[in-house]
Amino acid sequence: MFCTACGFSMSDEHRYCARCGKPANDGQFQWSAAAPQPPQAPIQPRRLERDMYHRKIAGVCAGFAAYFNMDPTIMRLIWVGLFFATGVPIIVYPICWLVMTRNDMPPRLGPAYQNA
């Protein structure tokens, strides 16, 4: 796209001309079909922690389940299946038990449960 005031070639994402400083919102620039989206809140990074609220032994499987956003029982079945298939979890589980940090916080309830 080009600035109609000075003819400078620029990208579609720019809001102002880099050469003359003319704002893009006064209708002089040709906009693409996709309108600019409003800024969104940054996504919090997921942490791999031992979930002590849903634990059975040490919370490792519950922590992996929370990290991958799945049911802890399914994650436990995956670990048992891997144990019988490869035997690797017998070494990995104690290492994860020592390395992963604890999360002692209970899970947050949704808005429907907070008023009850």
PDB file of N, CA and C in Angstrom:
ATOM      1  N   MET A   1       0.847  -1.158   0.000  1.00  0.00           N
ATOM      2  CA  MET A   1       0.000   0.000   0.000  1.00  0.00           C
ATOM      3  C   MET A   1       0.897   1.226   0.000  1.00  0.00           C
ATOM      4  N   PHE A   2       0.362   2.318  -0.499  1.00  0.00           N
ATOM      5  CA  PHE A   2       1.125   3.551  -0.638  1.00  0.00           C
ATOM      6  C   PHE A   2       0.420   4.687   0.072  1.00  0.00           C
ATOM      7  N   CYS A   3       1.216   5.573   0.641  1.00  0.00           N
ATOM      8  CA  CYS A   3       0.673   6.788   1.259  1.00  0.00           C
ATOM      9  C   CYS A   3       0.290   7.744   0.134  1.00  0.00           C
ATOM     10  N   THR A   4      -0.927   8.255   0.181  1.00  0.00           N
ATOM     11  CA  THR A   4      -1.373   9.173  -0.877  1.00  0.00           C
ATOM     12  C   THR A   4      -0.828  10.584  -0.681  1.00  0.00           C
ATOM     13  N   ALA A   5      -0.300  10.880   0.493  1.00  0.00           N
ATOM     14  CA  ALA A   5       0.261  12.210   0.725  1.00  0.00           C
ATOM     15  C   ALA A   5       1.678  12.325   0.175  1.00  0.00           C
ATOM     16  N   CYS A   6       2.513  11.265   0.378  1.00  0.00           N
ATOM     17  CA  CYS A   6       3.902  11.357  -0.060  1.00  0.00           C
ATOM     18  C   CYS A   6       4.315  10.237  -1.009  1.00  0.00           C
ATOM     19  N   GLY A   7       3.485   9.189  -1.187  1.00  0.00           N
ATOM     20  CA  GLY A   7       3.784   8.099  -2.107  1.00  0.00           C
ATOM     21  C   GLY A   7       4.713   7.038  -1.551  1.00  0.00           C
ATOM     22  N   PHE A   8       4.948   7.033  -0.240  1.00  0.00           N
ATOM     23  CA  PHE A   8       5.848   6.068   0.396  1.00  0.00           C
ATOM     24  C   PHE A   8       5.191   4.696   0.444  1.00  0.00           C
ATOM     25  N   SER A   9       5.949   3.653   0.086  1.00  0.00           N
ATOM     26  CA  SER A   9       5.441   2.289   0.122  1.00  0.00           C
ATOM     27  C   SER A   9       5.550   1.758   1.552  1.00  0.00           C
ATOM     28  N   MET A  10       4.434   1.177   2.048  1.00  0.00           N
ATOM     29  CA  MET A  10       4.420   0.700   3.426  1.00  0.00           C
ATOM     30  C   MET A  10       3.584  -0.561   3.548  1.00  0.00           C
ATOM     31  N   SER A  11       3.682  -1.209   4.700  1.00  0.00           N
ATOM     32  CA  SER A  11       2.973  -2.446   4.964  1.00  0.00           C
ATOM     33  C   SER A  11       1.531  -2.149   5.376  1.00  0.00           C
ATOM     34  N   ASP A  12       0.645  -3.159   5.265  1.00  0.00           N
ATOM     35  CA  ASP A  12      -0.762  -2.987   5.625  1.00  0.00           C
ATOM     36  C   ASP A  12      -0.970  -2.795   7.123  1.00  0.00           C
ATOM     37  N   GLU A  13      -0.049  -3.281   7.963  1.00  0.00           N
ATOM     38  CA  GLU A  13      -0.231  -3.198   9.408  1.00  0.00           C
ATOM     39  C   GLU A  13       0.064  -1.820   9.976  1.00  0.00           C
ATOM     40  N   HIS A  14       0.786  -0.976   9.231  1.00  0.00           N
ATOM     41  CA  HIS A  14       1.173   0.332   9.758  1.00  0.00           C
ATOM     42  C   HIS A  14      -0.027   1.254   9.934  1.00  0.00           C
ATOM     43  N   ARG A  15      -0.014   1.973  11.028  1.00  0.00           N
ATOM     44  CA  ARG A  15      -1.097   2.913  11.311  1.00  0.00           C
ATOM     45  C   ARG A  15      -0.741   4.337  10.897  1.00  0.00           C
ATOM     46  N   TYR A  16       0.560   4.605  10.696  1.00  0.00           N
ATOM     47  CA  TYR A  16       1.034   5.921  10.279  1.00  0.00           C
ATOM     48  C   TYR A  16       2.065   5.740   9.179  1.00  0.00           C
ATOM     49  N   CYS A  17       2.195   6.738   8.324  1.00  0.00           N
ATOM     50  CA  CYS A  17       3.208   6.726   7.275  1.00  0.00           C
ATOM     51  C   CYS A  17       4.566   6.975   7.936  1.00  0.00           C
ATOM     52  N   ALA A  18       5.555   6.180   7.600  1.00  0.00           N
ATOM     53  CA  ALA A  18       6.873   6.318   8.201  1.00  0.00           C
ATOM     54  C   ALA A  18       7.606   7.560   7.696  1.00  0.00           C
ATOM     55  N   ARG A  19       7.248   8.054   6.536  1.00  0.00           N
ATOM     56  CA  ARG A  19       7.945   9.210   5.980  1.00  0.00           C
ATOM     57  C   ARG A  19       7.292  10.529   6.395  1.00  0.00           C
ATOM     58  N   CYS A  20       5.973  10.654   6.207  1.00  0.00           N
ATOM     59  CA  CYS A  20       5.335  11.948   6.486  1.00  0.00           C
ATOM     60  C   CYS A  20       4.539  11.954   7.788  1.00  0.00           C
ATOM     61  N   GLY A  21       4.251  10.780   8.369  1.00  0.00           N
ATOM     62  CA  GLY A  21       3.552  10.719   9.650  1.00  0.00           C
ATOM     63  C   GLY A  21       2.050  10.883   9.560  1.00  0.00           C
ATOM     64  N   LYS A  22       1.507  10.819   8.361  1.00  0.00           N
ATOM     65  CA  LYS A  22       0.059  10.957   8.183  1.00  0.00           C
ATOM     66  C   LYS A  22      -0.655   9.750   8.782  1.00  0.00           C
ATOM     67  N   PRO A  23      -1.680   9.940   9.633  1.00  0.00           N
ATOM     68  CA  PRO A  23      -2.369   8.788  10.225  1.00  0.00           C
ATOM     69  C   PRO A  23      -3.185   8.038   9.177  1.00  0.00           C
ATOM     70  N   ALA A  24      -3.326   6.745   9.407  1.00  0.00           N
ATOM     71  CA  ALA A  24      -4.036   5.888   8.469  1.00  0.00           C
ATOM     72  C   ALA A  24      -5.542   5.961   8.661  1.00  0.00           C
ATOM     73  N   ASN A  25      -6.022   6.464   9.774  1.00  0.00           N
ATOM     74  CA  ASN A  25      -7.457   6.426  10.047  1.00  0.00           C
ATOM     75  C   ASN A  25      -8.228   7.581   9.411  1.00  0.00           C
ATOM     76  N   ASP A  26      -7.588   8.455   8.652  1.00  0.00           N
ATOM     77  CA  ASP A  26      -8.339   9.533   8.013  1.00  0.00           C
ATOM     78  C   ASP A  26      -8.790   9.166   6.606  1.00  0.00           C
ATOM     79  N   GLY A  27      -8.668   7.899   6.234  1.00  0.00           N
ATOM     80  CA  GLY A  27      -9.216   7.432   4.974  1.00  0.00           C
ATOM     81  C   GLY A  27      -8.286   7.534   3.794  1.00  0.00           C
ATOM     82  N   GLN A  28      -7.035   7.927   3.974  1.00  0.00           N
ATOM     83  CA  GLN A  28      -6.150   8.081   2.835  1.00  0.00           C
ATOM     84  C   GLN A  28      -5.504   6.772   2.412  1.00  0.00           C
ATOM     85  N   PHE A  29      -5.435   5.792   3.317  1.00  0.00           N
ATOM     86  CA  PHE A  29      -4.808   4.524   2.980  1.00  0.00           C
ATOM     87  C   PHE A  29      -5.866   3.511   2.575  1.00  0.00           C
ATOM     88  N   GLN A  30      -5.472   2.596   1.724  1.00  0.00           N
ATOM     89  CA  GLN A  30      -6.355   1.502   1.344  1.00  0.00           C
ATOM     90  C   GLN A  30      -6.173   0.384   2.362  1.00  0.00           C
ATOM     91  N   TRP A  31      -7.263  -0.003   3.026  1.00  0.00           N
ATOM     92  CA  TRP A  31      -7.191  -1.044   4.039  1.00  0.00           C
ATOM     93  C   TRP A  31      -7.487  -2.392   3.414  1.00  0.00           C
ATOM     94  N   SER A  32      -6.885  -3.409   3.964  1.00  0.00           N
ATOM     95  CA  SER A  32      -7.177  -4.760   3.507  1.00  0.00           C
ATOM     96  C   SER A  32      -8.530  -5.181   4.062  1.00  0.00           C
ATOM     97  N   ALA A  33      -9.029  -6.349   3.620  1.00  0.00           N
ATOM     98  CA  ALA A  33     -10.344  -6.824   4.044  1.00  0.00           C
ATOM     99  C   ALA A  33     -10.384  -7.156   5.525  1.00  0.00           C
ATOM    100  N   ALA A  34      -9.259  -7.574   6.078  1.00  0.00           N
ATOM    101  CA  ALA A  34      -9.224  -7.933   7.504  1.00  0.00           C
ATOM    102  C   ALA A  34      -9.041  -6.670   8.337  1.00  0.00           C
ATOM    103  N   ALA A  35     -10.014  -6.395   9.180  1.00  0.00           N
ATOM    104  CA  ALA A  35      -9.932  -5.222  10.052  1.00  0.00           C
ATOM    105  C   ALA A  35      -8.989  -5.519  11.210  1.00  0.00           C
ATOM    106  N   PRO A  36      -8.308  -4.504  11.718  1.00  0.00           N
ATOM    107  CA  PRO A  36      -7.417  -4.753  12.855  1.00  0.00           C
ATOM    108  C   PRO A  36      -8.222  -5.168  14.083  1.00  0.00           C
ATOM    109  N   GLN A  37      -7.712  -6.173  14.793  1.00  0.00           N
ATOM    110  CA  GLN A  37      -8.380  -6.701  15.971  1.00  0.00           C
ATOM    111  C   GLN A  37      -7.946  -5.913  17.201  1.00  0.00           C
ATOM    112  N   PRO A  38      -8.854  -5.748  18.176  1.00  0.00           N
ATOM    113  CA  PRO A  38      -8.454  -5.062  19.401  1.00  0.00           C
ATOM    114  C   PRO A  38      -7.457  -5.914  20.181  1.00  0.00           C
ATOM    115  N   PRO A  39      -6.590  -5.282  20.942  1.00  0.00           N
ATOM    116  CA  PRO A  39      -5.601  -6.063  21.691  1.00  0.00           C
ATOM    117  C   PRO A  39      -6.278  -6.940  22.733  1.00  0.00           C
ATOM    118  N   GLN A  40      -5.757  -8.143  22.904  1.00  0.00           N
ATOM    119  CA  GLN A  40      -6.307  -9.073  23.869  1.00  0.00           C
ATOM    120  C   GLN A  40      -5.321  -9.237  25.019  1.00  0.00           C
ATOM    121  N   ALA A  41      -5.842  -9.707  26.136  1.00  0.00           N
ATOM    122  CA  ALA A  41      -4.988  -9.953  27.288  1.00  0.00           C
ATOM    123  C   ALA A  41      -4.003 -11.060  26.962  1.00  0.00           C
ATOM    124  N   PRO A  42      -2.775 -10.936  27.436  1.00  0.00           N
ATOM    125  CA  PRO A  42      -1.799 -11.986  27.138  1.00  0.00           C
ATOM    126  C   PRO A  42      -2.191 -13.303  27.799  1.00  0.00           C
ATOM    127  N   ILE A  43      -1.898 -14.389  27.115  1.00  0.00           N
ATOM    128  CA  ILE A  43      -2.210 -15.721  27.624  1.00  0.00           C
ATOM    129  C   ILE A  43      -1.148 -16.114  28.634  1.00  0.00           C
ATOM    130  N   GLN A  44      -1.602 -16.561  29.797  1.00  0.00           N
ATOM    131  CA  GLN A  44      -0.667 -16.993  30.823  1.00  0.00           C
ATOM    132  C   GLN A  44      -0.025 -18.310  30.402  1.00  0.00           C
ATOM    133  N   PRO A  45       1.293 -18.431  30.544  1.00  0.00           N
ATOM    134  CA  PRO A  45       1.933 -19.694  30.182  1.00  0.00           C
ATOM    135  C   PRO A  45       1.538 -20.796  31.165  1.00  0.00           C
ATOM    136  N   ARG A  46       1.378 -21.998  30.632  1.00  0.00           N
ATOM    137  CA  ARG A  46       1.050 -23.135  31.490  1.00  0.00           C
ATOM    138  C   ARG A  46       2.319 -23.603  32.185  1.00  0.00           C
ATOM    139  N   ARG A  47       2.150 -24.040  33.431  1.00  0.00           N
ATOM    140  CA  ARG A  47       3.277 -24.556  34.198  1.00  0.00           C
ATOM    141  C   ARG A  47       3.038 -26.027  34.489  1.00  0.00           C
ATOM    142  N   LEU A  48       4.097 -26.802  34.434  1.00  0.00           N
ATOM    143  CA  LEU A  48       4.035 -28.217  34.758  1.00  0.00           C
ATOM    144  C   LEU A  48       4.317 -28.357  36.246  1.00  0.00           C
ATOM    145  N   GLU A  49       3.257 -28.580  37.031  1.00  0.00           N
ATOM    146  CA  GLU A  49       3.348 -28.666  38.481  1.00  0.00           C
ATOM    147  C   GLU A  49       2.625 -29.916  38.965  1.00  0.00           C
ATOM    148  N   ARG A  50       3.045 -30.411  40.120  1.00  0.00           N
ATOM    149  CA  ARG A  50       2.339 -31.536  40.731  1.00  0.00           C
ATOM    150  C   ARG A  50       1.067 -31.004  41.359  1.00  0.00           C
ATOM    151  N   ASP A  51      -0.064 -31.539  40.961  1.00  0.00           N
ATOM    152  CA  ASP A  51      -1.362 -31.101  41.463  1.00  0.00           C
ATOM    153  C   ASP A  51      -1.680 -31.883  42.734  1.00  0.00           C
ATOM    154  N   MET A  52      -1.568 -31.233  43.881  1.00  0.00           N
ATOM    155  CA  MET A  52      -1.768 -31.907  45.155  1.00  0.00           C
ATOM    156  C   MET A  52      -3.244 -32.050  45.509  1.00  0.00           C
ATOM    157  N   TYR A  53      -4.110 -31.355  44.803  1.00  0.00           N
ATOM    158  CA  TYR A  53      -5.540 -31.440  45.088  1.00  0.00           C
ATOM    159  C   TYR A  53      -6.160 -32.697  44.471  1.00  0.00           C
ATOM    160  N   HIS A  54      -5.674 -33.111  43.310  1.00  0.00           N
ATOM    161  CA  HIS A  54      -6.203 -34.289  42.616  1.00  0.00           C
ATOM    162  C   HIS A  54      -5.236 -35.464  42.663  1.00  0.00           C
ATOM    163  N   ARG A  55      -4.319 -35.476  43.575  1.00  0.00           N
ATOM    164  CA  ARG A  55      -3.274 -36.504  43.594  1.00  0.00           C
ATOM    165  C   ARG A  55      -3.775 -37.835  44.134  1.00  0.00           C
ATOM    166  N   LYS A  56      -3.097 -38.901  43.755  1.00  0.00           N
ATOM    167  CA  LYS A  56      -3.299 -40.230  44.334  1.00  0.00           C
ATOM    168  C   LYS A  56      -2.027 -40.650  45.075  1.00  0.00           C
ATOM    169  N   ILE A  57      -0.867 -40.495  44.447  1.00  0.00           N
ATOM    170  CA  ILE A  57       0.404 -40.824  45.100  1.00  0.00           C
ATOM    171  C   ILE A  57       1.188 -39.537  45.344  1.00  0.00           C
ATOM    172  N   ALA A  58       1.696 -38.942  44.278  1.00  0.00           N
ATOM    173  CA  ALA A  58       2.521 -37.741  44.431  1.00  0.00           C
ATOM    174  C   ALA A  58       2.000 -36.560  43.632  1.00  0.00           C
ATOM    175  N   GLY A  59       0.991 -36.759  42.808  1.00  0.00           N
ATOM    176  CA  GLY A  59       0.437 -35.669  42.017  1.00  0.00           C
ATOM    177  C   GLY A  59       1.080 -35.490  40.663  1.00  0.00           C
ATOM    178  N   VAL A  60       1.972 -36.392  40.265  1.00  0.00           N
ATOM    179  CA  VAL A  60       2.651 -36.260  38.976  1.00  0.00           C
ATOM    180  C   VAL A  60       1.675 -36.446  37.825  1.00  0.00           C
ATOM    181  N   CYS A  61       0.880 -37.513  37.864  1.00  0.00           N
ATOM    182  CA  CYS A  61      -0.083 -37.757  36.787  1.00  0.00           C
ATOM    183  C   CYS A  61      -1.144 -36.661  36.746  1.00  0.00           C
ATOM    184  N   ALA A  62      -1.579 -36.192  37.908  1.00  0.00           N
ATOM    185  CA  ALA A  62      -2.564 -35.101  37.942  1.00  0.00           C
ATOM    186  C   ALA A  62      -1.960 -33.812  37.403  1.00  0.00           C
ATOM    187  N   GLY A  63      -0.681 -33.592  37.648  1.00  0.00           N
ATOM    188  CA  GLY A  63      -0.010 -32.412  37.103  1.00  0.00           C
ATOM    189  C   GLY A  63       0.112 -32.465  35.595  1.00  0.00           C
ATOM    190  N   PHE A  64       0.475 -33.644  35.072  1.00  0.00           N
ATOM    191  CA  PHE A  64       0.538 -33.802  33.613  1.00  0.00           C
ATOM    192  C   PHE A  64      -0.853 -33.661  32.992  1.00  0.00           C
ATOM    193  N   ALA A  65      -1.871 -34.173  33.674  1.00  0.00           N
ATOM    194  CA  ALA A  65      -3.235 -34.054  33.164  1.00  0.00           C
ATOM    195  C   ALA A  65      -3.675 -32.603  33.123  1.00  0.00           C
ATOM    196  N   ALA A  66      -3.342 -31.832  34.143  1.00  0.00           N
ATOM    197  CA  ALA A  66      -3.691 -30.405  34.143  1.00  0.00           C
ATOM    198  C   ALA A  66      -2.928 -29.661  33.051  1.00  0.00           C
ATOM    199  N   TYR A  67      -1.684 -30.032  32.819  1.00  0.00           N
ATOM    200  CA  TYR A  67      -0.882 -29.379  31.785  1.00  0.00           C
ATOM    201  C   TYR A  67      -1.445 -29.638  30.395  1.00  0.00           C
ATOM    202  N   PHE A  68      -1.889 -30.885  30.148  1.00  0.00           N
ATOM    203  CA  PHE A  68      -2.435 -31.235  28.845  1.00  0.00           C
ATOM    204  C   PHE A  68      -3.952 -31.077  28.782  1.00  0.00           C
ATOM    205  N   ASN A  69      -4.555 -30.538  29.845  1.00  0.00           N
ATOM    206  CA  ASN A  69      -5.991 -30.235  29.902  1.00  0.00           C
ATOM    207  C   ASN A  69      -6.832 -31.487  29.631  1.00  0.00           C
ATOM    208  N   MET A  70      -6.591 -32.531  30.429  1.00  0.00           N
ATOM    209  CA  MET A  70      -7.346 -33.765  30.295  1.00  0.00           C
ATOM    210  C   MET A  70      -7.670 -34.323  31.675  1.00  0.00           C
ATOM    211  N   ASP A  71      -8.455 -35.371  31.712  1.00  0.00           N
ATOM    212  CA  ASP A  71      -8.863 -35.985  32.972  1.00  0.00           C
ATOM    213  C   ASP A  71      -7.678 -36.714  33.612  1.00  0.00           C
ATOM    214  N   PRO A  72      -7.481 -36.568  34.936  1.00  0.00           N
ATOM    215  CA  PRO A  72      -6.360 -37.256  35.588  1.00  0.00           C
ATOM    216  C   PRO A  72      -6.432 -38.777  35.490  1.00  0.00           C
ATOM    217  N   THR A  73      -7.626 -39.350  35.470  1.00  0.00           N
ATOM    218  CA  THR A  73      -7.750 -40.805  35.371  1.00  0.00           C
ATOM    219  C   THR A  73      -7.223 -41.310  34.031  1.00  0.00           C
ATOM    220  N   ILE A  74      -7.498 -40.596  32.973  1.00  0.00           N
ATOM    221  CA  ILE A  74      -6.987 -40.986  31.652  1.00  0.00           C
ATOM    222  C   ILE A  74      -5.469 -40.889  31.629  1.00  0.00           C
ATOM    223  N   MET A  75      -4.915 -39.849  32.264  1.00  0.00           N
ATOM    224  CA  MET A  75      -3.459 -39.715  32.307  1.00  0.00           C
ATOM    225  C   MET A  75      -2.837 -40.849  33.114  1.00  0.00           C
ATOM    226  N   ARG A  76      -3.480 -41.260  34.185  1.00  0.00           N
ATOM    227  CA  ARG A  76      -2.974 -42.389  34.973  1.00  0.00           C
ATOM    228  C   ARG A  76      -2.988 -43.681  34.147  1.00  0.00           C
ATOM    229  N   LEU A  77      -4.039 -43.871  33.366  1.00  0.00           N
ATOM    230  CA  LEU A  77      -4.104 -45.054  32.500  1.00  0.00           C
ATOM    231  C   LEU A  77      -3.007 -45.028  31.435  1.00  0.00           C
ATOM    232  N   ILE A  78      -2.683 -43.837  30.935  1.00  0.00           N
ATOM    233  CA  ILE A  78      -1.599 -43.709  29.956  1.00  0.00           C
ATOM    234  C   ILE A  78      -0.270 -44.088  30.600  1.00  0.00           C
ATOM    235  N   TRP A  79      -0.041 -43.621  31.837  1.00  0.00           N
ATOM    236  CA  TRP A  79       1.207 -43.954  32.536  1.00  0.00           C
ATOM    237  C   TRP A  79       1.293 -45.456  32.804  1.00  0.00           C
ATOM    238  N   VAL A  80       0.191 -46.083  33.211  1.00  0.00           N
ATOM    239  CA  VAL A  80       0.200 -47.531  33.457  1.00  0.00           C
ATOM    240  C   VAL A  80       0.441 -48.284  32.152  1.00  0.00           C
ATOM    241  N   GLY A  81      -0.193 -47.849  31.074  1.00  0.00           N
ATOM    242  CA  GLY A  81       0.029 -48.488  29.777  1.00  0.00           C
ATOM    243  C   GLY A  81       1.471 -48.361  29.325  1.00  0.00           C
ATOM    244  N   LEU A  82       2.068 -47.177  29.535  1.00  0.00           N
ATOM    245  CA  LEU A  82       3.481 -46.996  29.190  1.00  0.00           C
ATOM    246  C   LEU A  82       4.390 -47.847  30.069  1.00  0.00           C
ATOM    247  N   PHE A  83       3.985 -48.037  31.325  1.00  0.00           N
ATOM    248  CA  PHE A  83       4.778 -48.885  32.220  1.00  0.00           C
ATOM    249  C   PHE A  83       4.830 -50.315  31.709  1.00  0.00           C
ATOM    250  N   PHE A  84       3.680 -50.856  31.335  1.00  0.00           N
ATOM    251  CA  PHE A  84       3.659 -52.237  30.854  1.00  0.00           C
ATOM    252  C   PHE A  84       4.249 -52.368  29.453  1.00  0.00           C
ATOM    253  N   ALA A  85       4.161 -51.322  28.643  1.00  0.00           N
ATOM    254  CA  ALA A  85       4.686 -51.392  27.280  1.00  0.00           C
ATOM    255  C   ALA A  85       6.193 -51.192  27.231  1.00  0.00           C
ATOM    256  N   THR A  86       6.701 -50.211  28.004  1.00  0.00           N
ATOM    257  CA  THR A  86       8.119 -49.878  27.889  1.00  0.00           C
ATOM    258  C   THR A  86       8.881 -49.977  29.201  1.00  0.00           C
ATOM    259  N   GLY A  87       8.219 -49.754  30.323  1.00  0.00           N
ATOM    260  CA  GLY A  87       8.900 -49.753  31.610  1.00  0.00           C
ATOM    261  C   GLY A  87       9.567 -48.436  31.946  1.00  0.00           C
ATOM    262  N   VAL A  88       9.491 -47.456  31.066  1.00  0.00           N
ATOM    263  CA  VAL A  88      10.144 -46.166  31.278  1.00  0.00           C
ATOM    264  C   VAL A  88       9.547 -45.389  32.465  1.00  0.00           C
ATOM    265  N   PRO A  89       8.236 -45.400  32.696  1.00  0.00           N
ATOM    266  CA  PRO A  89       7.695 -44.615  33.813  1.00  0.00           C
ATOM    267  C   PRO A  89       8.243 -45.000  35.187  1.00  0.00           C
ATOM    268  N   ILE A  90       8.806 -46.189  35.343  1.00  0.00           N
ATOM    269  CA  ILE A  90       9.382 -46.576  36.633  1.00  0.00           C
ATOM    270  C   ILE A  90      10.595 -45.701  36.958  1.00  0.00           C
ATOM    271  N   ILE A  91      11.244 -45.151  35.933  1.00  0.00           N
ATOM    272  CA  ILE A  91      12.379 -44.250  36.122  1.00  0.00           C
ATOM    273  C   ILE A  91      11.925 -42.794  36.070  1.00  0.00           C
ATOM    274  N   VAL A  92      11.002 -42.479  35.163  1.00  0.00           N
ATOM    275  CA  VAL A  92      10.590 -41.090  34.932  1.00  0.00           C
ATOM    276  C   VAL A  92       9.728 -40.553  36.076  1.00  0.00           C
ATOM    277  N   TYR A  93       8.860 -41.375  36.641  1.00  0.00           N
ATOM    278  CA  TYR A  93       7.939 -40.912  37.684  1.00  0.00           C
ATOM    279  C   TYR A  93       8.678 -40.376  38.917  1.00  0.00           C
ATOM    280  N   PRO A  94       9.656 -41.106  39.470  1.00  0.00           N
ATOM    281  CA  PRO A  94      10.367 -40.531  40.624  1.00  0.00           C
ATOM    282  C   PRO A  94      11.165 -39.276  40.296  1.00  0.00           C
ATOM    283  N   ILE A  95      11.687 -39.205  39.071  1.00  0.00           N
ATOM    284  CA  ILE A  95      12.404 -37.990  38.673  1.00  0.00           C
ATOM    285  C   ILE A  95      11.442 -36.805  38.612  1.00  0.00           C
ATOM    286  N   CYS A  96      10.261 -37.024  38.032  1.00  0.00           N
ATOM    287  CA  CYS A  96       9.252 -35.961  37.986  1.00  0.00           C
ATOM    288  C   CYS A  96       8.798 -35.586  39.392  1.00  0.00           C
ATOM    289  N   TRP A  97       8.704 -36.559  40.274  1.00  0.00           N
ATOM    290  CA  TRP A  97       8.310 -36.321  41.654  1.00  0.00           C
ATOM    291  C   TRP A  97       9.297 -35.372  42.332  1.00  0.00           C
ATOM    292  N   LEU A  98      10.579 -35.520  42.040  1.00  0.00           N
ATOM    293  CA  LEU A  98      11.600 -34.680  42.652  1.00  0.00           C
ATOM    294  C   LEU A  98      11.730 -33.318  41.974  1.00  0.00           C
ATOM    295  N   VAL A  99      11.541 -33.268  40.667  1.00  0.00           N
ATOM    296  CA  VAL A  99      11.822 -32.054  39.902  1.00  0.00           C
ATOM    297  C   VAL A  99      10.628 -31.104  39.828  1.00  0.00           C
ATOM    298  N   MET A 100       9.427 -31.636  39.681  1.00  0.00           N
ATOM    299  CA  MET A 100       8.245 -30.779  39.494  1.00  0.00           C
ATOM    300  C   MET A 100       7.892 -30.058  40.793  1.00  0.00           C
ATOM    301  N   THR A 101       7.489 -28.801  40.678  1.00  0.00           N
ATOM    302  CA  THR A 101       7.091 -28.033  41.853  1.00  0.00           C
ATOM    303  C   THR A 101       5.689 -28.419  42.294  1.00  0.00           C
ATOM    304  N   ARG A 102       5.393 -28.174  43.572  1.00  0.00           N
ATOM    305  CA  ARG A 102       4.082 -28.501  44.124  1.00  0.00           C
ATOM    306  C   ARG A 102       3.100 -27.371  43.858  1.00  0.00           C
ATOM    307  N   ASN A 103       1.866 -27.722  43.621  1.00  0.00           N
ATOM    308  CA  ASN A 103       0.775 -26.760  43.518  1.00  0.00           C
ATOM    309  C   ASN A 103      -0.273 -27.170  44.548  1.00  0.00           C
ATOM    310  N   ASP A 104      -0.282 -26.489  45.688  1.00  0.00           N
ATOM    311  CA  ASP A 104      -1.197 -26.821  46.774  1.00  0.00           C
ATOM    312  C   ASP A 104      -2.516 -26.059  46.699  1.00  0.00           C
ATOM    313  N   MET A 105      -2.685 -25.234  45.691  1.00  0.00           N
ATOM    314  CA  MET A 105      -3.906 -24.435  45.573  1.00  0.00           C
ATOM    315  C   MET A 105      -5.055 -25.296  45.067  1.00  0.00           C
ATOM    316  N   PRO A 106      -6.245 -25.173  45.687  1.00  0.00           N
ATOM    317  CA  PRO A 106      -7.400 -25.897  45.147  1.00  0.00           C
ATOM    318  C   PRO A 106      -7.814 -25.287  43.815  1.00  0.00           C
ATOM    319  N   PRO A 107      -8.476 -26.061  42.964  1.00  0.00           N
ATOM    320  CA  PRO A 107      -8.878 -25.523  41.658  1.00  0.00           C
ATOM    321  C   PRO A 107      -9.908 -24.418  41.823  1.00  0.00           C
ATOM    322  N   ARG A 108      -9.862 -23.453  40.904  1.00  0.00           N
ATOM    323  CA  ARG A 108     -10.820 -22.345  40.941  1.00  0.00           C
ATOM    324  C   ARG A 108     -12.153 -22.819  40.416  1.00  0.00           C
ATOM    325  N   LEU A 109     -13.216 -22.384  41.095  1.00  0.00           N
ATOM    326  CA  LEU A 109     -14.559 -22.747  40.673  1.00  0.00           C
ATOM    327  C   LEU A 109     -15.052 -21.755  39.640  1.00  0.00           C
ATOM    328  N   GLY A 110     -15.922 -22.215  38.774  1.00  0.00           N
ATOM    329  CA  GLY A 110     -16.507 -21.344  37.771  1.00  0.00           C
ATOM    330  C   GLY A 110     -17.487 -20.371  38.406  1.00  0.00           C
ATOM    331  N   PRO A 111     -17.972 -19.383  37.660  1.00  0.00           N
ATOM    332  CA  PRO A 111     -18.879 -18.383  38.213  1.00  0.00           C
ATOM    333  C   PRO A 111     -20.200 -18.966  38.698  1.00  0.00           C
ATOM    334  N   ALA A 112     -20.630 -20.103  38.162  1.00  0.00           N
ATOM    335  CA  ALA A 112     -21.892 -20.683  38.586  1.00  0.00           C
ATOM    336  C   ALA A 112     -21.794 -21.241  40.010  1.00  0.00           C
ATOM    337  N   TYR A 113     -20.573 -21.628  40.440  1.00  0.00           N
ATOM    338  CA  TYR A 113     -20.402 -22.223  41.757  1.00  0.00           C
ATOM    339  C   TYR A 113     -20.023 -21.202  42.827  1.00  0.00           C
ATOM    340  N   GLN A 114     -19.603 -20.014  42.455  1.00  0.00           N
ATOM    341  CA  GLN A 114     -19.127 -19.039  43.425  1.00  0.00           C
ATOM    342  C   GLN A 114     -20.249 -18.445  44.257  1.00  0.00           C
ATOM    343  N   ASN A 115     -21.458 -18.353  43.720  1.00  0.00           N
ATOM    344  CA  ASN A 115     -22.564 -17.755  44.455  1.00  0.00           C
ATOM    345  C   ASN A 115     -23.334 -18.768  45.283  1.00  0.00           C
ATOM    346  N   ALA A 116     -23.071 -20.023  45.122  1.00  0.00           N
ATOM    347  CA  ALA A 116     -23.820 -21.064  45.831  1.00  0.00           C
ATOM    348  C   ALA A 116     -23.388 -21.192  47.270  1.00  0.00           C
TER     349      ALA A 116
END
